[in-house]
């Protein structure tokens, strides 16, 4: 029987032996691109050209993140693979990984449309002003709203969120399958097969990881932003926000190293691949 505690033990073993190499991959493909994106967002302004540049940088950052995740999974799952080999393996599997990411993203976005539409119609014309709604405007909004549609839309989105967690658990091994079995989009079916009896345990791990990540992320961003504000004074607001964003990027990169190592080890166990590797 596969236990999550055993997988965590294997994950810790890999991190002790290959942590520096995995950190180097994450720094190059995850952390540095995120820092560049934060710098662009903080300093290029809001002109159409600046927004276009920010959008282009965002696309590059997403592609680098996919490449980085593939490289981490490859390096964490196969001891003979060094950093350069991990980069090469990830580059070869980048196309299918992008296709898989786009496909899943489209499915998720389309599935959310009915709930968002019900909420939008239920709230009426005032829905666009929710972020700036005043106390006096709340009565007007309530008078023009449709409670039935709002309730139906809210219930749909709640069930949609549960479905997203379930889908995330069933697709948890799709990247290791892409890296090791080269199935392309058929990695979805293979991941569903491998996670058949592990869904709820994986969901539990995802929830725990999300809670820990949100706490660590919020703490890092808050602490470093406050320190930067104290050092820079009132005129350094944007720079302080950038410093906080960099701290958040570091936490996110570290969390990705851990999660990629975890799914790589889970894949090795449930797929029946050789388990007795010594990472040193």
Foldseek 3Di string as FASTA:
>chain_A
DDDLVVLLVLLVQLCVQCVVQLLVLLCVLFQVLLLVLLVLVLPVDDDPVSVVVSVVSVVSNVLSVQLSLLLLLVCLQDVVQGNVNSSVLSVVLSVLSVVLVVVVVVVLVVQLVVLVVLLDVQQDPCPVVVVVDDPVCVVVSVVSGHVVSNVVSVVSVVVSVVVVLQLCLLCLQLSVCCSPVVPRNCSSVVSNVLCVPPRVVSSVVVVVLVVVLVVQLVVQLVVQLVVVCVVVDPVCNSVSNSRSSSSSSSSVSVSSSSSSSSSSSSCCVSVVHDNDDRRD
